[in-house]
Full PDB file with SEQRES, HELIX, SHEET, SSBOND, CRYST1, ORIGX, SCALE, CONECT and MASTER records, all heavy atoms in Angstrom:
SEQRES   1 A   36  TRP GLN ALA GLU LEU GLY ASN LEU GLU VAL SER GLY ALA          
SEQRES   2 A   36  ALA THR PRO GLN ILE ALA LEU GLU LEU LEU ARG ASP VAL          
SEQRES   3 A   36  PHE LEU ASN LEU THR ALA ASN GLU ARG ARG                      
HELIX    1 AA1 PRO A   16  ARG A   35  1                                  20    
SHEET    1 AA1 2 ALA A   3  LEU A   5  0                                        
SHEET    2 AA1 2 LEU A   8  VAL A  10 -1                                        
CRYST1    1.000    1.000    1.000  90.00  90.00  90.00 P 1           1          
ORIGX1      1.000000  0.000000  0.000000        0.00000                         
ORIGX2      0.000000  1.000000  0.000000        0.00000                         
ORIGX3      0.000000  0.000000  1.000000        0.00000                         
SCALE1      1.000000  0.000000  0.000000        0.00000                         
SCALE2      0.000000  1.000000  0.000000        0.00000                         
SCALE3      0.000000  0.000000  1.000000        0.00000                         
ATOM      1  N   TRP A   1     -14.058 -14.312 -29.225  1.00  0.00           N  
ATOM      2  CA  TRP A   1     -15.333 -14.457 -28.417  1.00  0.00           C  
ATOM      3  C   TRP A   1     -16.389 -13.329 -28.781  1.00  0.00           C  
ATOM      4  O   TRP A   1     -16.011 -12.201 -29.015  1.00  0.00           O  
ATOM      5  CB  TRP A   1     -15.130 -14.466 -26.989  1.00  0.00           C  
ATOM      6  CG  TRP A   1     -14.279 -15.468 -26.414  1.00  0.00           C  
ATOM      7  CD1 TRP A   1     -13.153 -15.764 -26.331  1.00  0.00           C  
ATOM      8  CD2 TRP A   1     -15.084 -16.662 -25.895  1.00  0.00           C  
ATOM      9  NE1 TRP A   1     -12.912 -17.136 -25.785  1.00  0.00           N  
ATOM     10  CE2 TRP A   1     -14.028 -17.688 -25.533  1.00  0.00           C  
ATOM     11  CE3 TRP A   1     -16.413 -17.107 -25.785  1.00  0.00           C  
ATOM     12  CZ2 TRP A   1     -14.414 -18.857 -25.090  1.00  0.00           C  
ATOM     13  CZ3 TRP A   1     -16.709 -18.318 -25.282  1.00  0.00           C  
ATOM     14  CH2 TRP A   1     -15.637 -19.209 -24.846  1.00  0.00           C  
ATOM     15  N   GLN A   2     -17.675 -13.680 -28.742  1.00  0.00           N  
ATOM     16  CA  GLN A   2     -18.634 -12.681 -29.060  1.00  0.00           C  
ATOM     17  C   GLN A   2     -19.696 -12.664 -28.013  1.00  0.00           C  
ATOM     18  O   GLN A   2     -20.093 -13.808 -27.542  1.00  0.00           O  
ATOM     19  CB  GLN A   2     -19.355 -13.131 -30.389  1.00  0.00           C  
ATOM     20  CG  GLN A   2     -20.674 -12.399 -30.739  1.00  0.00           C  
ATOM     21  CD  GLN A   2     -21.311 -12.904 -32.011  1.00  0.00           C  
ATOM     22  OE1 GLN A   2     -20.514 -13.292 -32.890  1.00  0.00           O  
ATOM     23  NE2 GLN A   2     -22.652 -13.117 -31.933  1.00  0.00           N  
ATOM     24  N   ALA A   3     -20.086 -11.572 -27.491  1.00  0.00           N  
ATOM     25  CA  ALA A   3     -21.157 -11.376 -26.509  1.00  0.00           C  
ATOM     26  C   ALA A   3     -22.300 -10.609 -27.171  1.00  0.00           C  
ATOM     27  O   ALA A   3     -22.087  -9.710 -27.681  1.00  0.00           O  
ATOM     28  CB  ALA A   3     -20.515 -10.714 -25.194  1.00  0.00           C  
ATOM     29  N   GLU A   4     -23.480 -11.012 -26.764  1.00  0.00           N  
ATOM     30  CA  GLU A   4     -24.682 -10.398 -27.288  1.00  0.00           C  
ATOM     31  C   GLU A   4     -25.730 -10.308 -26.254  1.00  0.00           C  
ATOM     32  O   GLU A   4     -25.915 -11.271 -25.397  1.00  0.00           O  
ATOM     33  CB  GLU A   4     -25.283 -11.294 -28.477  1.00  0.00           C  
ATOM     34  CG  GLU A   4     -26.398 -10.637 -29.182  1.00  0.00           C  
ATOM     35  CD  GLU A   4     -26.767 -11.442 -30.321  1.00  0.00           C  
ATOM     36  OE1 GLU A   4     -26.062 -12.303 -30.766  1.00  0.00           O  
ATOM     37  OE2 GLU A   4     -27.991 -11.251 -30.704  1.00  0.00           O  
ATOM     38  N   LEU A   5     -26.267  -9.146 -26.130  1.00  0.00           N  
ATOM     39  CA  LEU A   5     -27.402  -8.804 -25.195  1.00  0.00           C  
ATOM     40  C   LEU A   5     -28.408  -7.822 -25.833  1.00  0.00           C  
ATOM     41  O   LEU A   5     -27.960  -6.848 -26.328  1.00  0.00           O  
ATOM     42  CB  LEU A   5     -26.893  -8.180 -23.963  1.00  0.00           C  
ATOM     43  CG  LEU A   5     -27.921  -7.910 -22.800  1.00  0.00           C  
ATOM     44  CD1 LEU A   5     -28.581  -9.270 -22.441  1.00  0.00           C  
ATOM     45  CD2 LEU A   5     -27.026  -7.259 -21.625  1.00  0.00           C  
ATOM     46  N   GLY A   6     -29.615  -8.342 -26.034  1.00  0.00           N  
ATOM     47  CA  GLY A   6     -30.644  -7.535 -26.792  1.00  0.00           C  
ATOM     48  C   GLY A   6     -30.191  -7.552 -28.168  1.00  0.00           C  
ATOM     49  O   GLY A   6     -29.754  -8.424 -28.870  1.00  0.00           O  
ATOM     50  N   ASN A   7     -30.023  -6.360 -28.791  1.00  0.00           N  
ATOM     51  CA  ASN A   7     -29.690  -6.195 -30.207  1.00  0.00           C  
ATOM     52  C   ASN A   7     -28.189  -5.658 -30.281  1.00  0.00           C  
ATOM     53  O   ASN A   7     -27.783  -5.056 -31.248  1.00  0.00           O  
ATOM     54  CB  ASN A   7     -30.601  -5.428 -31.015  1.00  0.00           C  
ATOM     55  CG  ASN A   7     -30.987  -4.113 -30.470  1.00  0.00           C  
ATOM     56  OD1 ASN A   7     -30.401  -3.611 -29.507  1.00  0.00           O  
ATOM     57  ND2 ASN A   7     -31.806  -3.299 -31.237  1.00  0.00           N  
ATOM     58  N   LEU A   8     -27.462  -5.831 -29.110  1.00  0.00           N  
ATOM     59  CA  LEU A   8     -26.171  -5.278 -29.126  1.00  0.00           C  
ATOM     60  C   LEU A   8     -25.195  -6.462 -29.074  1.00  0.00           C  
ATOM     61  O   LEU A   8     -25.479  -7.321 -28.337  1.00  0.00           O  
ATOM     62  CB  LEU A   8     -25.923  -4.383 -27.892  1.00  0.00           C  
ATOM     63  CG  LEU A   8     -24.500  -3.794 -27.646  1.00  0.00           C  
ATOM     64  CD1 LEU A   8     -24.286  -2.833 -28.687  1.00  0.00           C  
ATOM     65  CD2 LEU A   8     -24.515  -3.126 -26.341  1.00  0.00           C  
ATOM     66  N   GLU A   9     -24.245  -6.355 -29.925  1.00  0.00           N  
ATOM     67  CA  GLU A   9     -23.250  -7.481 -30.177  1.00  0.00           C  
ATOM     68  C   GLU A   9     -21.932  -6.841 -30.171  1.00  0.00           C  
ATOM     69  O   GLU A   9     -21.520  -6.013 -30.918  1.00  0.00           O  
ATOM     70  CB  GLU A   9     -23.540  -8.312 -31.343  1.00  0.00           C  
ATOM     71  CG  GLU A   9     -22.607  -9.403 -31.693  1.00  0.00           C  
ATOM     72  CD  GLU A   9     -23.026  -9.812 -33.134  1.00  0.00           C  
ATOM     73  OE1 GLU A   9     -24.221 -10.318 -33.214  1.00  0.00           O  
ATOM     74  OE2 GLU A   9     -22.158  -9.828 -33.932  1.00  0.00           O  
ATOM     75  N   VAL A  10     -20.916  -7.600 -29.444  1.00  0.00           N  
ATOM     76  CA  VAL A  10     -19.568  -7.328 -29.572  1.00  0.00           C  
ATOM     77  C   VAL A  10     -18.820  -8.533 -29.956  1.00  0.00           C  
ATOM     78  O   VAL A  10     -19.212  -9.616 -29.553  1.00  0.00           O  
ATOM     79  CB  VAL A  10     -18.810  -6.648 -28.329  1.00  0.00           C  
ATOM     80  CG1 VAL A  10     -19.483  -5.244 -27.959  1.00  0.00           C  
ATOM     81  CG2 VAL A  10     -18.948  -7.490 -27.125  1.00  0.00           C  
ATOM     82  N   SER A  11     -17.834  -8.420 -30.779  1.00  0.00           N  
ATOM     83  CA  SER A  11     -17.074  -9.681 -31.280  1.00  0.00           C  
ATOM     84  C   SER A  11     -15.575  -9.436 -31.410  1.00  0.00           C  
ATOM     85  O   SER A  11     -15.195  -8.317 -31.445  1.00  0.00           O  
ATOM     86  CB  SER A  11     -17.781 -10.215 -32.571  1.00  0.00           C  
ATOM     87  OG  SER A  11     -17.601  -9.181 -33.469  1.00  0.00           O  
ATOM     88  N   GLY A  12     -14.924 -10.513 -31.469  1.00  0.00           N  
ATOM     89  CA  GLY A  12     -13.512 -10.437 -31.777  1.00  0.00           C  
ATOM     90  C   GLY A  12     -12.588 -10.485 -30.432  1.00  0.00           C  
ATOM     91  O   GLY A  12     -11.513 -10.256 -30.523  1.00  0.00           O  
ATOM     92  N   ALA A  13     -13.248 -10.652 -29.319  1.00  0.00           N  
ATOM     93  CA  ALA A  13     -12.480 -10.457 -28.055  1.00  0.00           C  
ATOM     94  C   ALA A  13     -11.522 -11.768 -27.843  1.00  0.00           C  
ATOM     95  O   ALA A  13     -11.966 -12.797 -28.280  1.00  0.00           O  
ATOM     96  CB  ALA A  13     -13.493 -10.379 -26.796  1.00  0.00           C  
ATOM     97  N   ALA A  14     -10.479 -11.537 -27.160  1.00  0.00           N  
ATOM     98  CA  ALA A  14      -9.544 -12.668 -26.978  1.00  0.00           C  
ATOM     99  C   ALA A  14     -10.058 -13.688 -25.810  1.00  0.00           C  
ATOM    100  O   ALA A  14      -9.758 -14.843 -25.879  1.00  0.00           O  
ATOM    101  CB  ALA A  14      -8.179 -12.099 -26.514  1.00  0.00           C  
ATOM    102  N   THR A  15     -10.814 -13.176 -25.026  1.00  0.00           N  
ATOM    103  CA  THR A  15     -11.336 -14.077 -23.845  1.00  0.00           C  
ATOM    104  C   THR A  15     -12.870 -13.694 -23.668  1.00  0.00           C  
ATOM    105  O   THR A  15     -13.342 -12.670 -24.046  1.00  0.00           O  
ATOM    106  CB  THR A  15     -10.635 -13.761 -22.535  1.00  0.00           C  
ATOM    107  OG1 THR A  15     -10.892 -12.452 -22.076  1.00  0.00           O  
ATOM    108  CG2 THR A  15      -9.056 -13.926 -22.711  1.00  0.00           C  
ATOM    109  N   PRO A  16     -13.564 -14.667 -23.082  1.00  0.00           N  
ATOM    110  CA  PRO A  16     -15.007 -14.407 -22.689  1.00  0.00           C  
ATOM    111  C   PRO A  16     -15.092 -13.287 -21.721  1.00  0.00           C  
ATOM    112  O   PRO A  16     -16.084 -12.445 -21.963  1.00  0.00           O  
ATOM    113  CB  PRO A  16     -15.470 -15.739 -22.064  1.00  0.00           C  
ATOM    114  CG  PRO A  16     -14.334 -16.520 -21.819  1.00  0.00           C  
ATOM    115  CD  PRO A  16     -13.111 -16.035 -22.625  1.00  0.00           C  
ATOM    116  N   GLN A  17     -14.193 -13.132 -20.808  1.00  0.00           N  
ATOM    117  CA  GLN A  17     -14.299 -11.958 -19.898  1.00  0.00           C  
ATOM    118  C   GLN A  17     -14.155 -10.662 -20.495  1.00  0.00           C  
ATOM    119  O   GLN A  17     -14.936  -9.733 -20.273  1.00  0.00           O  
ATOM    120  CB  GLN A  17     -13.308 -12.108 -18.778  1.00  0.00           C  
ATOM    121  CG  GLN A  17     -13.208 -11.013 -17.801  1.00  0.00           C  
ATOM    122  CD  GLN A  17     -12.218 -11.226 -16.641  1.00  0.00           C  
ATOM    123  OE1 GLN A  17     -11.465 -12.134 -16.690  1.00  0.00           O  
ATOM    124  NE2 GLN A  17     -12.113 -10.143 -15.812  1.00  0.00           N  
ATOM    125  N   ILE A  18     -13.221 -10.442 -21.541  1.00  0.00           N  
ATOM    126  CA  ILE A  18     -13.137  -9.266 -22.284  1.00  0.00           C  
ATOM    127  C   ILE A  18     -14.272  -9.147 -23.153  1.00  0.00           C  
ATOM    128  O   ILE A  18     -14.814  -7.812 -23.215  1.00  0.00           O  
ATOM    129  CB  ILE A  18     -11.813  -9.437 -23.168  1.00  0.00           C  
ATOM    130  CG1 ILE A  18     -10.551  -9.247 -22.334  1.00  0.00           C  
ATOM    131  CG2 ILE A  18     -11.831  -8.198 -24.171  1.00  0.00           C  
ATOM    132  CD1 ILE A  18      -9.270  -9.588 -22.960  1.00  0.00           C  
ATOM    133  N   ALA A  19     -14.902 -10.010 -23.723  1.00  0.00           N  
ATOM    134  CA  ALA A  19     -16.069  -9.834 -24.516  1.00  0.00           C  
ATOM    135  C   ALA A  19     -17.318  -9.208 -23.626  1.00  0.00           C  
ATOM    136  O   ALA A  19     -17.929  -8.375 -24.076  1.00  0.00           O  
ATOM    137  CB  ALA A  19     -16.564 -11.120 -25.113  1.00  0.00           C  
ATOM    138  N   LEU A  20     -17.390  -9.803 -22.383  1.00  0.00           N  
ATOM    139  CA  LEU A  20     -18.463  -9.235 -21.541  1.00  0.00           C  
ATOM    140  C   LEU A  20     -18.123  -7.848 -21.043  1.00  0.00           C  
ATOM    141  O   LEU A  20     -18.978  -7.090 -20.885  1.00  0.00           O  
ATOM    142  CB  LEU A  20     -18.600 -10.291 -20.389  1.00  0.00           C  
ATOM    143  CG  LEU A  20     -19.251 -11.616 -20.730  1.00  0.00           C  
ATOM    144  CD1 LEU A  20     -18.994 -12.626 -19.603  1.00  0.00           C  
ATOM    145  CD2 LEU A  20     -20.708 -11.466 -21.106  1.00  0.00           C  
ATOM    146  N   GLU A  21     -16.842  -7.676 -20.808  1.00  0.00           N  
ATOM    147  CA  GLU A  21     -16.472  -6.264 -20.434  1.00  0.00           C  
ATOM    148  C   GLU A  21     -16.705  -5.171 -21.514  1.00  0.00           C  
ATOM    149  O   GLU A  21     -17.092  -3.991 -21.195  1.00  0.00           O  
ATOM    150  CB  GLU A  21     -15.100  -6.247 -19.833  1.00  0.00           C  
ATOM    151  CG  GLU A  21     -14.856  -7.094 -18.572  1.00  0.00           C  
ATOM    152  CD  GLU A  21     -13.380  -7.205 -18.257  1.00  0.00           C  
ATOM    153  OE1 GLU A  21     -12.496  -6.983 -19.084  1.00  0.00           O  
ATOM    154  OE2 GLU A  21     -13.006  -7.662 -17.066  1.00  0.00           O  
ATOM    155  N   LEU A  22     -16.456  -5.585 -22.688  1.00  0.00           N  
ATOM    156  CA  LEU A  22     -16.786  -4.702 -23.766  1.00  0.00           C  
ATOM    157  C   LEU A  22     -18.275  -4.411 -23.922  1.00  0.00           C  
ATOM    158  O   LEU A  22     -18.624  -3.302 -24.130  1.00  0.00           O  
ATOM    159  CB  LEU A  22     -16.366  -5.326 -25.106  1.00  0.00           C  
ATOM    160  CG  LEU A  22     -14.826  -5.367 -25.355  1.00  0.00           C  
ATOM    161  CD1 LEU A  22     -14.446  -6.206 -26.547  1.00  0.00           C  
ATOM    162  CD2 LEU A  22     -14.210  -3.907 -25.558  1.00  0.00           C  
ATOM    163  N   LEU A  23     -19.102  -5.446 -23.769  1.00  0.00           N  
ATOM    164  CA  LEU A  23     -20.514  -5.237 -23.694  1.00  0.00           C  
ATOM    165  C   LEU A  23     -20.917  -4.287 -22.638  1.00  0.00           C  
ATOM    166  O   LEU A  23     -21.659  -3.396 -22.820  1.00  0.00           O  
ATOM    167  CB  LEU A  23     -21.135  -6.641 -23.622  1.00  0.00           C  
ATOM    168  CG  LEU A  23     -22.696  -6.693 -23.885  1.00  0.00           C  
ATOM    169  CD1 LEU A  23     -23.009  -6.368 -25.297  1.00  0.00           C  
ATOM    170  CD2 LEU A  23     -23.137  -8.056 -23.502  1.00  0.00           C  
ATOM    171  N   ARG A  24     -20.461  -4.552 -21.473  1.00  0.00           N  
ATOM    172  CA  ARG A  24     -20.703  -3.704 -20.338  1.00  0.00           C  
ATOM    173  C   ARG A  24     -20.316  -2.256 -20.630  1.00  0.00           C  
ATOM    174  O   ARG A  24     -21.155  -1.396 -20.322  1.00  0.00           O  
ATOM    175  CB  ARG A  24     -19.960  -4.276 -19.058  1.00  0.00           C  
ATOM    176  CG  ARG A  24     -20.093  -3.277 -17.777  1.00  0.00           C  
ATOM    177  CD  ARG A  24     -18.871  -3.368 -16.916  1.00  0.00           C  
ATOM    178  NE  ARG A  24     -17.646  -2.955 -17.523  1.00  0.00           N  
ATOM    179  CZ  ARG A  24     -16.410  -3.269 -17.174  1.00  0.00           C  
ATOM    180  NH1 ARG A  24     -16.298  -4.180 -16.112  1.00  0.00           N  
ATOM    181  NH2 ARG A  24     -15.387  -2.844 -17.788  1.00  0.00           N  
ATOM    182  N   ASP A  25     -19.073  -2.001 -21.196  1.00  0.00           N  
ATOM    183  CA  ASP A  25     -18.597  -0.679 -21.459  1.00  0.00           C  
ATOM    184  C   ASP A  25     -19.491  -0.016 -22.432  1.00  0.00           C  
ATOM    185  O   ASP A  25     -19.671   1.264 -22.361  1.00  0.00           O  
ATOM    186  CB  ASP A  25     -17.198  -0.692 -21.932  1.00  0.00           C  
ATOM    187  CG  ASP A  25     -16.153  -1.170 -20.761  1.00  0.00           C  
ATOM    188  OD1 ASP A  25     -16.676  -1.083 -19.654  1.00  0.00           O  
ATOM    189  OD2 ASP A  25     -15.124  -1.294 -21.180  1.00  0.00           O  
ATOM    190  N   VAL A  26     -20.002  -0.660 -23.455  1.00  0.00           N  
ATOM    191  CA  VAL A  26     -20.915  -0.087 -24.430  1.00  0.00           C  
ATOM    192  C   VAL A  26     -22.149   0.451 -23.789  1.00  0.00           C  
ATOM    193  O   VAL A  26     -22.595   1.522 -24.012  1.00  0.00           O  
ATOM    194  CB  VAL A  26     -21.289  -1.028 -25.543  1.00  0.00           C  
ATOM    195  CG1 VAL A  26     -22.414  -0.514 -26.493  1.00  0.00           C  
ATOM    196  CG2 VAL A  26     -19.991  -1.338 -26.394  1.00  0.00           C  
ATOM    197  N   PHE A  27     -22.731  -0.358 -22.948  1.00  0.00           N  
ATOM    198  CA  PHE A  27     -23.962   0.094 -22.204  1.00  0.00           C  
ATOM    199  C   PHE A  27     -23.653   1.223 -21.224  1.00  0.00           C  
ATOM    200  O   PHE A  27     -24.412   2.206 -21.086  1.00  0.00           O  
ATOM    201  CB  PHE A  27     -24.551  -1.102 -21.492  1.00  0.00           C  
ATOM    202  CG  PHE A  27     -25.485  -1.918 -22.352  1.00  0.00           C  
ATOM    203  CD1 PHE A  27     -25.019  -3.226 -22.568  1.00  0.00           C  
ATOM    204  CD2 PHE A  27     -26.653  -1.355 -22.903  1.00  0.00           C  
ATOM    205  CE1 PHE A  27     -25.872  -4.095 -23.441  1.00  0.00           C  
ATOM    206  CE2 PHE A  27     -27.545  -2.249 -23.681  1.00  0.00           C  
ATOM    207  CZ  PHE A  27     -27.101  -3.528 -23.892  1.00  0.00           C  
ATOM    208  N   LEU A  28     -22.561   1.230 -20.516  1.00  0.00           N  
ATOM    209  CA  LEU A  28     -22.068   2.280 -19.640  1.00  0.00           C  
ATOM    210  C   LEU A  28     -22.018   3.637 -20.469  1.00  0.00           C  
ATOM    211  O   LEU A  28     -22.467   4.693 -20.148  1.00  0.00           O  
ATOM    212  CB  LEU A  28     -20.773   1.957 -18.848  1.00  0.00           C  
ATOM    213  CG  LEU A  28     -20.952   0.914 -17.886  1.00  0.00           C  
ATOM    214  CD1 LEU A  28     -19.522   0.663 -17.227  1.00  0.00           C  
ATOM    215  CD2 LEU A  28     -21.862   1.416 -16.853  1.00  0.00           C  
ATOM    216  N   ASN A  29     -21.372   3.557 -21.733  1.00  0.00           N  
ATOM    217  CA  ASN A  29     -21.177   4.743 -22.518  1.00  0.00           C  
ATOM    218  C   ASN A  29     -22.468   5.182 -23.138  1.00  0.00           C  
ATOM    219  O   ASN A  29     -22.661   6.487 -23.103  1.00  0.00           O  
ATOM    220  CB  ASN A  29     -20.092   4.412 -23.601  1.00  0.00           C  
ATOM    221  CG  ASN A  29     -18.779   4.274 -23.167  1.00  0.00           C  
ATOM    222  OD1 ASN A  29     -18.294   5.062 -22.163  1.00  0.00           O  
ATOM    223  ND2 ASN A  29     -18.043   3.446 -23.782  1.00  0.00           N  
ATOM    224  N   LEU A  30     -23.425   4.361 -23.363  1.00  0.00           N  
ATOM    225  CA  LEU A  30     -24.774   4.717 -23.891  1.00  0.00           C  
ATOM    226  C   LEU A  30     -25.420   5.508 -22.620  1.00  0.00           C  
ATOM    227  O   LEU A  30     -26.028   6.600 -22.876  1.00  0.00           O  
ATOM    228  CB  LEU A  30     -25.613   3.427 -24.174  1.00  0.00           C  
ATOM    229  CG  LEU A  30     -25.127   2.860 -25.551  1.00  0.00           C  
ATOM    230  CD1 LEU A  30     -25.985   1.571 -25.741  1.00  0.00           C  
ATOM    231  CD2 LEU A  30     -25.569   3.821 -26.646  1.00  0.00           C  
ATOM    232  N   THR A  31     -25.366   4.956 -21.625  1.00  0.00           N  
ATOM    233  CA  THR A  31     -26.116   5.620 -20.432  1.00  0.00           C  
ATOM    234  C   THR A  31     -25.447   6.963 -20.174  1.00  0.00           C  
ATOM    235  O   THR A  31     -26.197   7.993 -19.928  1.00  0.00           O  
ATOM    236  CB  THR A  31     -25.877   4.827 -19.141  1.00  0.00           C  
ATOM    237  OG1 THR A  31     -26.563   3.458 -19.355  1.00  0.00           O  
ATOM    238  CG2 THR A  31     -26.528   5.348 -17.806  1.00  0.00           C  
ATOM    239  N   ALA A  32     -24.139   7.113 -20.088  1.00  0.00           N  
ATOM    240  CA  ALA A  32     -23.373   8.357 -19.877  1.00  0.00           C  
ATOM    241  C   ALA A  32     -23.728   9.347 -20.983  1.00  0.00           C  
ATOM    242  O   ALA A  32     -24.042  10.599 -20.774  1.00  0.00           O  
ATOM    243  CB  ALA A  32     -21.912   8.185 -19.871  1.00  0.00           C  
ATOM    244  N   ASN A  33     -23.857   8.972 -22.184  1.00  0.00           N  
ATOM    245  CA  ASN A  33     -24.197   9.802 -23.298  1.00  0.00           C  
ATOM    246  C   ASN A  33     -25.529  10.298 -23.274  1.00  0.00           C  
ATOM    247  O   ASN A  33     -25.792  11.549 -23.470  1.00  0.00           O  
ATOM    248  CB  ASN A  33     -23.979   8.998 -24.680  1.00  0.00           C  
ATOM    249  CG  ASN A  33     -24.246   9.921 -25.827  1.00  0.00           C  
ATOM    250  OD1 ASN A  33     -23.791  10.963 -26.027  1.00  0.00           O  
ATOM    251  ND2 ASN A  33     -25.080   9.484 -26.832  1.00  0.00           N  
ATOM    252  N   GLU A  34     -26.533   9.563 -22.771  1.00  0.00           N  
ATOM    253  CA  GLU A  34     -27.922   9.952 -22.608  1.00  0.00           C  
ATOM    254  C   GLU A  34     -27.964  10.949 -21.520  1.00  0.00           C  
ATOM    255  O   GLU A  34     -28.832  11.972 -21.600  1.00  0.00           O  
ATOM    256  CB  GLU A  34     -28.853   8.720 -22.315  1.00  0.00           C  
ATOM    257  CG  GLU A  34     -29.069   7.957 -23.555  1.00  0.00           C  
ATOM    258  CD  GLU A  34     -29.898   6.777 -23.389  1.00  0.00           C  
ATOM    259  OE1 GLU A  34     -30.580   6.614 -22.249  1.00  0.00           O  
ATOM    260  OE2 GLU A  34     -30.094   5.894 -24.280  1.00  0.00           O  
ATOM    261  N   ARG A  35     -27.221  10.779 -20.438  1.00  0.00           N  
ATOM    262  CA  ARG A  35     -27.326  11.730 -19.295  1.00  0.00           C  
ATOM    263  C   ARG A  35     -26.750  13.122 -19.698  1.00  0.00           C  
ATOM    264  O   ARG A  35     -27.094  14.174 -19.174  1.00  0.00           O  
ATOM    265  CB  ARG A  35     -26.480  11.153 -18.111  1.00  0.00           C  
ATOM    266  CG  ARG A  35     -27.108  10.079 -17.478  1.00  0.00           C  
ATOM    267  CD  ARG A  35     -26.415   9.563 -16.285  1.00  0.00           C  
ATOM    268  NE  ARG A  35     -27.123   8.463 -15.691  1.00  0.00           N  
ATOM    269  CZ  ARG A  35     -26.586   7.485 -14.905  1.00  0.00           C  
ATOM    270  NH1 ARG A  35     -25.262   7.563 -14.705  1.00  0.00           N  
ATOM    271  NH2 ARG A  35     -27.324   6.559 -14.474  1.00  0.00           N  
ATOM    272  N   ARG A  36     -25.777  13.119 -20.678  1.00  0.00           N  
ATOM    273  CA  ARG A  36     -25.359  14.358 -21.285  1.00  0.00           C  
ATOM    274  C   ARG A  36     -26.314  15.043 -22.370  1.00  0.00           C  
ATOM    275  O   ARG A  36     -25.948  16.054 -22.986  1.00  0.00           O  
ATOM    276  CB  ARG A  36     -23.916  14.136 -21.896  1.00  0.00           C  
ATOM    277  CG  ARG A  36     -22.783  13.829 -20.810  1.00  0.00           C  
ATOM    278  CD  ARG A  36     -21.472  13.901 -21.521  1.00  0.00           C  
ATOM    279  NE  ARG A  36     -21.455  13.040 -22.576  1.00  0.00           N  
ATOM    280  CZ  ARG A  36     -20.783  11.829 -22.619  1.00  0.00           C  
ATOM    281  NH1 ARG A  36     -20.264  11.384 -21.461  1.00  0.00           N  
ATOM    282  NH2 ARG A  36     -20.723  11.106 -23.659  1.00  0.00           N  
TER     283      ARG A  36                                                      
MASTER        0    0    0    1    2    0    0    6  282    1    0    3          
END                                                                             
């Protein structure tokens, strides 16, 4: 499964839920990184 939002894409997930969770985690990590 592949999830895409804006110009961010994650692929290779076993389920659609995992693909969306990976996408969420990338954005959460980006936000945390910027706060640091």
